[in-house]
Protein backbone atom coordinates (compact mmCIF):
# COMPACT_ATOMS: atom_id res chain seq x y z
CA MET A 1 106.53 123.28 97.58
CA ASP A 2 104.06 123.43 95.04
CA LYS A 3 101.49 126.12 96.72
CA SER A 4 99.50 125.51 93.98
CA ILE A 5 98.35 122.00 95.12
CA CYS A 6 97.23 121.13 98.65
CA THR A 7 97.34 117.22 100.19
CA VAL A 8 94.66 117.27 102.63
CA THR A 9 95.40 114.04 104.59
CA LEU A 10 92.97 111.69 106.28
CA ILE A 11 94.43 111.34 110.32
CA ARG A 12 92.89 108.96 112.66
CA PRO A 13 94.71 106.04 111.72
CA GLU A 14 93.15 104.31 115.46
CA VAL A 15 90.04 103.58 113.45
CA ARG A 16 91.27 103.40 110.31
CA ASN A 17 91.13 107.12 108.83
CA ALA A 18 87.12 106.42 110.03
CA LEU A 19 84.49 109.52 109.07
CA GLY A 20 83.20 110.51 112.26
CA LEU A 21 80.96 114.15 112.53
CA GLU A 22 84.09 116.46 113.35
CA MET A 23 86.30 114.92 110.39
CA ARG A 24 83.01 116.00 108.03
CA ASN A 25 82.68 118.92 108.89
CA GLU A 26 86.43 119.70 108.70
CA LEU A 27 86.03 118.84 104.95
CA THR A 28 83.05 120.74 104.78
CA ASN A 29 84.57 124.10 105.87
CA PHE A 30 88.46 122.97 103.55
CA PHE A 31 86.62 122.74 100.26
CA THR A 32 84.06 125.15 101.04
CA SER A 33 86.85 127.85 102.11
CA VAL A 34 89.51 126.96 99.33
CA ARG A 35 87.38 127.59 96.48
CA ASP A 36 87.95 132.04 97.48
CA ASN A 37 92.03 130.74 97.44
CA ASP A 38 92.96 131.50 93.81
CA GLU A 39 96.87 130.60 94.90
CA VAL A 40 95.44 126.63 94.65
CA LYS A 41 94.39 124.78 92.22
CA VAL A 42 93.93 121.46 92.40
CA ILE A 43 93.59 119.73 95.69
CA ILE A 44 94.51 116.19 96.19
CA LEU A 45 92.77 113.27 99.13
CA THR A 46 94.81 110.73 100.71
CA GLY A 47 94.29 108.67 103.90
CA GLU A 48 97.18 108.82 106.15
CA GLY A 49 98.80 104.86 107.53
CA LYS A 50 97.21 101.48 106.02
CA ALA A 51 93.57 102.63 105.32
CA PHE A 52 92.48 105.27 103.02
CA SER A 53 88.95 105.22 105.19
CA ALA A 54 87.30 103.20 106.72
CA GLY A 55 84.01 104.69 106.26
CA GLY A 56 81.38 105.75 109.08
CA ASP A 57 82.65 105.56 112.53
CA LEU A 58 80.45 102.81 114.21
CA SER A 59 81.80 103.43 117.46
CA ALA A 60 79.49 106.61 117.22
CA LEU A 61 76.56 105.07 116.00
CA LYS A 62 75.81 102.62 118.70
CA THR A 63 73.70 105.08 120.24
CA VAL A 64 71.96 106.91 116.91
CA GLY A 65 68.54 106.47 116.55
CA ALA A 66 66.43 108.44 112.79
CA VAL A 67 66.28 111.68 113.70
CA SER A 68 70.03 111.88 115.41
CA GLY A 69 70.89 109.56 111.94
CA ARG A 70 69.43 112.00 109.35
CA ARG A 71 71.39 115.04 110.85
CA ARG A 72 74.56 112.40 111.02
CA LEU A 73 73.90 111.87 106.89
CA GLN A 74 73.19 115.61 106.15
CA ALA A 75 76.38 116.23 107.68
CA GLY A 76 78.08 113.68 105.39
CA HIS A 77 75.74 114.83 102.03
CA GLU A 78 77.57 118.80 102.93
CA MET A 79 80.64 117.24 102.33
CA ILE A 80 79.89 114.94 99.58
CA HIS A 81 78.06 118.69 97.81
CA SER A 82 81.43 120.93 99.23
CA ILE A 83 83.63 118.28 96.61
CA LEU A 84 80.92 117.89 94.02
CA ASN A 85 80.54 121.82 93.71
CA LEU A 86 83.81 123.32 93.77
CA GLU A 87 85.53 124.39 90.26
CA LYS A 88 88.76 122.08 91.17
CA PRO A 89 89.50 118.89 90.77
CA VAL A 90 90.13 116.65 93.03
CA ILE A 91 92.27 113.28 93.11
CA ALA A 92 91.39 111.00 95.75
CA ALA A 93 95.14 109.07 96.03
CA VAL A 94 93.30 106.09 97.98
CA ASN A 95 95.75 104.41 99.67
CA GLY A 96 95.38 100.59 101.17
CA ILE A 97 91.36 100.27 102.62
CA ALA A 98 88.37 101.89 101.45
CA ALA A 99 85.20 100.87 103.28
CA GLY A 100 81.24 101.96 102.88
CA ALA A 101 81.38 105.75 103.23
CA GLY A 102 85.40 105.83 102.55
CA VAL A 103 84.31 104.42 98.78
CA SER A 104 81.44 107.07 98.43
CA LEU A 105 83.99 110.11 99.40
CA ALA A 106 86.38 108.65 97.04
CA LEU A 107 83.83 108.49 94.13
CA ALA A 108 82.15 112.33 94.61
CA CYS A 109 86.31 112.91 93.95
CA ASP A 110 87.07 113.83 90.34
CA TYR A 111 90.07 111.21 89.69
CA ILE A 112 90.70 107.99 91.56
CA LEU A 113 94.42 106.91 92.06
CA ALA A 114 94.90 103.64 93.94
CA THR A 115 97.91 101.23 94.79
CA HIS A 116 98.20 97.68 93.77
CA SER A 117 97.08 97.26 97.60
CA THR A 118 94.19 99.07 97.76
CA LEU A 119 90.82 97.01 98.09
CA PHE A 120 87.52 98.68 97.56
CA ILE A 121 84.73 97.57 100.61
CA GLN A 122 81.00 98.10 99.83
CA SER A 123 80.63 97.31 103.78
CA PHE A 124 77.23 98.89 104.93
CA VAL A 125 75.74 94.85 104.24
CA LYS A 126 77.91 94.09 106.54
CA VAL A 127 75.73 96.07 109.66
CA GLY A 128 72.35 95.73 108.50
CA LEU A 129 72.88 99.44 106.45
CA ILE A 130 72.44 101.11 103.08
CA PRO A 131 75.21 101.90 101.49
CA ASP A 132 75.06 106.13 102.15
CA LEU A 133 76.93 109.40 100.73
CA GLY A 134 76.33 109.14 97.82
CA SER A 135 77.22 105.09 96.95
CA ILE A 136 73.84 104.40 96.10
CA TYR A 137 73.67 107.15 92.77
CA PHE A 138 77.34 107.21 92.11
CA LEU A 139 78.19 103.41 91.33
CA PRO A 140 74.74 102.03 89.65
CA ARG A 141 76.24 104.55 86.78
CA LEU A 142 79.86 103.79 86.90
CA ILE A 143 79.18 99.98 86.66
CA GLY A 144 75.69 99.31 86.29
CA ARG A 145 72.38 97.42 88.52
CA HIS A 146 73.77 94.80 88.34
CA ARG A 147 77.06 94.83 89.67
CA ALA A 148 76.10 97.54 91.56
CA LEU A 149 73.49 95.44 93.37
CA GLU A 150 75.94 92.49 94.26
CA LEU A 151 78.78 94.30 95.68
CA MET A 152 76.54 95.92 97.55
CA PHE A 153 74.65 92.66 99.01
CA SER A 154 78.07 90.71 99.28
CA GLY A 155 80.23 93.08 100.54
CA GLU A 156 83.43 91.60 98.91
CA LYS A 157 86.23 92.75 98.54
CA LEU A 158 87.00 94.63 94.70
CA SER A 159 90.74 94.82 94.30
CA SER A 160 92.35 97.96 92.58
CA VAL A 161 92.63 95.79 89.90
CA GLU A 162 89.39 94.84 89.51
CA ALA A 163 87.49 98.68 90.47
CA HIS A 164 89.83 99.54 87.33
CA LYS A 165 88.10 97.05 84.68
CA MET A 166 85.05 98.08 85.88
CA GLY A 167 85.80 101.95 85.33
CA ILE A 168 85.67 102.92 88.90
CA ILE A 169 88.74 103.63 88.59
CA ASN A 170 91.25 105.55 86.94
CA ARG A 171 94.97 104.40 87.24
CA ILE A 172 96.85 101.87 89.52
CA VAL A 173 100.20 102.49 91.32
CA PRO A 174 103.07 101.01 93.21
CA ASP A 175 102.16 101.84 96.66
CA ASP A 176 104.97 103.62 97.56
CA LEU A 177 104.48 106.08 94.46
CA LEU A 178 101.13 106.85 95.20
CA LEU A 179 101.70 110.39 96.37
CA ASN A 180 104.40 110.87 93.72
CA GLU A 181 102.25 110.36 90.71
CA ALA A 182 98.71 111.97 92.09
CA HIS A 183 101.49 114.97 92.59
CA SER A 184 102.68 114.26 89.21
CA ILE A 185 99.20 114.59 87.95
CA ALA A 186 98.22 116.97 89.97
CA SER A 187 101.29 119.62 88.02
CA SER A 188 100.03 119.27 84.76
CA TRP A 189 96.38 119.90 85.48
CA ALA A 190 97.33 123.11 87.68
CA GLU A 191 99.17 124.13 85.12
CA GLY A 192 96.22 123.83 82.71
CA PRO A 193 93.05 126.94 82.46
CA ALA A 194 91.91 127.64 85.60
CA THR A 195 88.53 128.17 84.66
CA ALA A 196 87.80 126.49 81.94
CA MET A 197 88.47 123.11 83.83
CA GLY A 198 85.84 124.23 86.89
CA LEU A 199 83.95 125.32 84.57
CA THR A 200 84.07 121.78 83.19
CA LYS A 201 83.78 120.16 86.24
CA LYS A 202 80.57 122.51 87.09
CA LEU A 203 78.84 121.67 83.49
CA ILE A 204 79.63 117.44 83.74
CA ASN A 205 78.64 117.68 87.25
CA ARG A 206 75.20 119.24 86.70
CA SER A 207 74.43 117.09 83.48
CA ILE A 208 74.83 114.01 85.25
CA LEU A 209 74.07 114.59 89.05
CA ALA A 210 70.80 116.37 88.50
CA GLU A 211 68.69 113.78 90.90
CA ILE A 212 71.41 113.82 93.07
CA ASN A 213 69.34 115.83 95.99
CA GLU A 214 66.46 113.72 95.60
CA THR A 215 68.77 110.61 96.36
CA PHE A 216 70.32 112.11 98.85
CA GLU A 217 66.81 112.63 100.77
CA LEU A 218 65.24 108.94 100.72
CA GLU A 219 69.28 108.12 101.51
CA GLY A 220 68.83 109.89 104.82
CA PHE A 221 65.20 107.91 104.92
CA ALA A 222 66.07 105.06 104.56
CA GLN A 223 68.95 104.78 106.56
CA GLY A 224 66.92 106.41 109.72
CA MET A 225 64.69 102.88 109.18
CA CYS A 226 68.00 100.96 109.51
CA PHE A 227 69.36 102.77 112.72
CA GLU A 228 66.22 101.64 114.68
CA SER A 229 66.71 98.15 113.38
CA ASP A 230 67.50 95.13 115.57
CA ASP A 231 69.74 94.07 112.25
CA PHE A 232 72.16 97.18 113.03
CA LYS A 233 72.40 96.14 116.04
CA GLU A 234 73.17 92.74 116.17
CA GLY A 235 75.42 93.72 113.14
CA VAL A 236 77.75 96.93 115.33
CA ASN A 237 77.85 94.18 118.06
CA ALA A 238 78.54 92.00 115.65
CA PHE A 239 81.72 94.19 114.60
CA PHE A 240 83.21 94.98 118.09
CA GLU A 241 83.20 91.22 119.07
CA LYS A 242 84.48 90.43 115.83
CA ARG A 243 82.33 87.47 115.32
CA LYS A 244 79.79 87.46 112.08
CA PRO A 245 76.54 88.65 112.18
CA GLN A 246 73.14 87.30 112.59
CA PHE A 247 70.37 88.92 110.98
CA LYS A 248 67.07 87.61 111.72
CA HIS A 249 64.61 90.79 110.30
């Protein structure tokens, strides 16, 4: 086993690896603590089962309000920051579905590897929410304002082929080779100059992420308003009742 590569697997298959509050805190703690582990050079982030992550845990959001929702988002922001601030490469090996905040989590990583069956979904609009955990910041900078708005307004599924053409992901591999390919890339990077690579990531992030904290603050305010809306309540109810939501506001 190569101790220079650490694989982190999201394991909540009953909710398609939804990012509950506990999982967000666990990921933050891991990415913060691995900073001082000189043995680990590269991290691979993936999901167990048929999904990378379905995003936020809607079952935990049924009773959320503006204040509690803002705290929840802040925990997610800390998770994203812990990846961005880590001076080590993080590879997202996206298996199956990445939806909502699951897309944001992948976008925060330094390299995105997907399979032929991977689907990306900006699903927030389906439950009356705004894209959170950084998607509003990352996606327009990757694919442009108009395409980002199209994906966010429609909530349509985006195939890995389409995502690759848009520049959202780095590479597509067969489903059964995902982790093998991720480990191959990680092994190559682990042999590189760790200090130089870490500082390269830090400088690139500093140059293009200067305004992300302001975006996160506005995101928390806007999402708090959405949490209080009738449309959000209707969206969540429709999700669990497996029907199309009837938005009125």
